[in-house]
């Protein structure tokens, strides 16, 4: 898993994440609300116990303190934006 912070301010953080095929990020939460935009690849995002198919163009809104995880079925690139 590679990550690169693109923009960080007092109110927001925008990070590019790249995951190789077969990798995952285990369940965790954030105190900030956020969004995920899939740029490349396919995988599964689990938000509050619900599976969401990841593919280019998918946009996911995450309320603060929501448990979430993800796994990459292919090489995966996504933009994570946190605010609050």
Protein backbone atom coordinates (compact mmCIF):
# COMPACT_ATOMS: atom_id res chain seq x y z
CA UNK A 1 0.00 0.00 0.00
CA UNK A 2 1.42 3.34 -1.06
CA UNK A 3 0.00 6.71 -0.09
CA UNK A 4 0.84 10.28 -1.05
CA UNK A 5 -0.69 13.32 0.64
CA UNK A 6 -1.69 15.70 -2.16
CA UNK A 7 -3.18 18.56 -0.10
CA UNK A 8 -3.38 19.05 3.65
CA UNK A 9 -4.99 22.02 5.40
CA UNK A 10 -6.36 22.66 8.88
CA UNK A 11 -9.78 21.46 7.70
CA UNK A 12 -9.10 18.80 5.07
CA UNK A 13 -6.70 16.13 3.88
CA UNK A 14 -6.58 14.65 0.34
CA UNK A 15 -4.48 11.52 -0.15
CA UNK A 16 -3.82 9.29 -3.16
CA UNK A 17 -3.79 5.59 -2.19
CA UNK A 18 -2.45 2.80 -4.40
CA UNK A 19 -2.92 -0.86 -3.46
CA UNK A 20 -1.47 -3.82 -5.33
CA UNK A 21 -3.65 -6.72 -6.41
CA UNK A 22 -4.47 -8.94 -3.43
CA UNK A 23 -3.69 -6.36 -0.74
CA UNK A 24 -6.07 -4.91 1.79
CA UNK A 25 -6.52 -2.34 4.54
CA UNK A 26 -8.10 -3.81 7.67
CA UNK A 27 -11.15 -2.34 9.37
CA UNK A 28 -10.64 1.01 11.07
CA UNK A 29 -12.48 4.30 11.69
CA UNK A 30 -11.79 8.00 11.30
CA UNK A 31 -13.04 10.81 13.50
CA UNK A 32 -13.52 12.89 10.32
CA UNK A 33 -16.10 12.44 7.57
CA UNK A 34 -14.65 11.49 4.24
CA UNK A 35 -15.08 10.35 0.69
CA UNK A 36 -13.40 7.84 -1.56
CA UNK A 37 -13.23 8.22 -5.34
CA UNK A 38 -11.96 5.20 -7.30
CA UNK A 39 -9.54 6.18 -10.07
CA UNK A 40 -8.34 2.76 -11.28
CA UNK A 41 -8.85 -0.93 -10.63
CA UNK A 42 -11.43 -3.08 -8.88
CA UNK A 43 -11.99 -4.28 -5.35
CA UNK A 44 -14.37 -4.26 -2.41
CA UNK A 45 -14.99 -1.53 0.15
CA UNK A 46 -16.83 -2.48 3.34
CA UNK A 47 -18.60 0.43 5.05
CA UNK A 48 -20.65 -0.21 8.19
CA UNK A 49 -20.82 -3.89 7.24
CA UNK A 50 -22.06 -3.24 3.69
CA UNK A 51 -19.99 -4.41 0.70
CA UNK A 52 -19.52 -1.84 -2.07
CA UNK A 53 -17.96 -2.84 -5.40
CA UNK A 54 -15.03 -0.64 -6.32
CA UNK A 55 -14.45 0.30 -9.97
CA UNK A 56 -13.35 3.50 -11.70
CA UNK A 57 -15.76 6.38 -11.08
CA UNK A 58 -17.33 4.99 -7.89
CA UNK A 59 -17.77 7.65 -5.19
CA UNK A 60 -18.35 6.69 -1.54
CA UNK A 61 -19.28 9.06 1.29
CA UNK A 62 -18.18 7.97 4.78
CA UNK A 63 -19.75 9.52 7.89
CA UNK A 64 -17.35 10.16 10.77
CA UNK A 65 -16.61 7.16 13.02
CA UNK A 66 -17.88 4.61 10.47
CA UNK A 67 -16.00 1.29 10.44
CA UNK A 68 -14.55 0.61 6.99
CA UNK A 69 -12.02 -1.60 5.20
CA UNK A 70 -11.06 -2.40 1.63
CA UNK A 71 -9.41 -5.04 -0.52
CA UNK A 72 -7.96 -4.87 -4.03
CA UNK A 73 -8.94 -7.49 -6.61
CA UNK A 74 -6.73 -5.65 -9.15
CA UNK A 75 -4.16 -2.90 -8.75
CA UNK A 76 -6.26 -0.13 -7.24
CA UNK A 77 -5.88 3.67 -7.07
CA UNK A 78 -8.22 5.90 -5.10
CA UNK A 79 -8.47 9.40 -3.75
CA UNK A 80 -9.34 9.69 -0.06
CA UNK A 81 -10.62 13.07 1.13
CA UNK A 82 -11.17 13.74 4.85
CA UNK A 83 -12.72 16.87 6.32
CA UNK A 84 -14.04 18.22 9.56
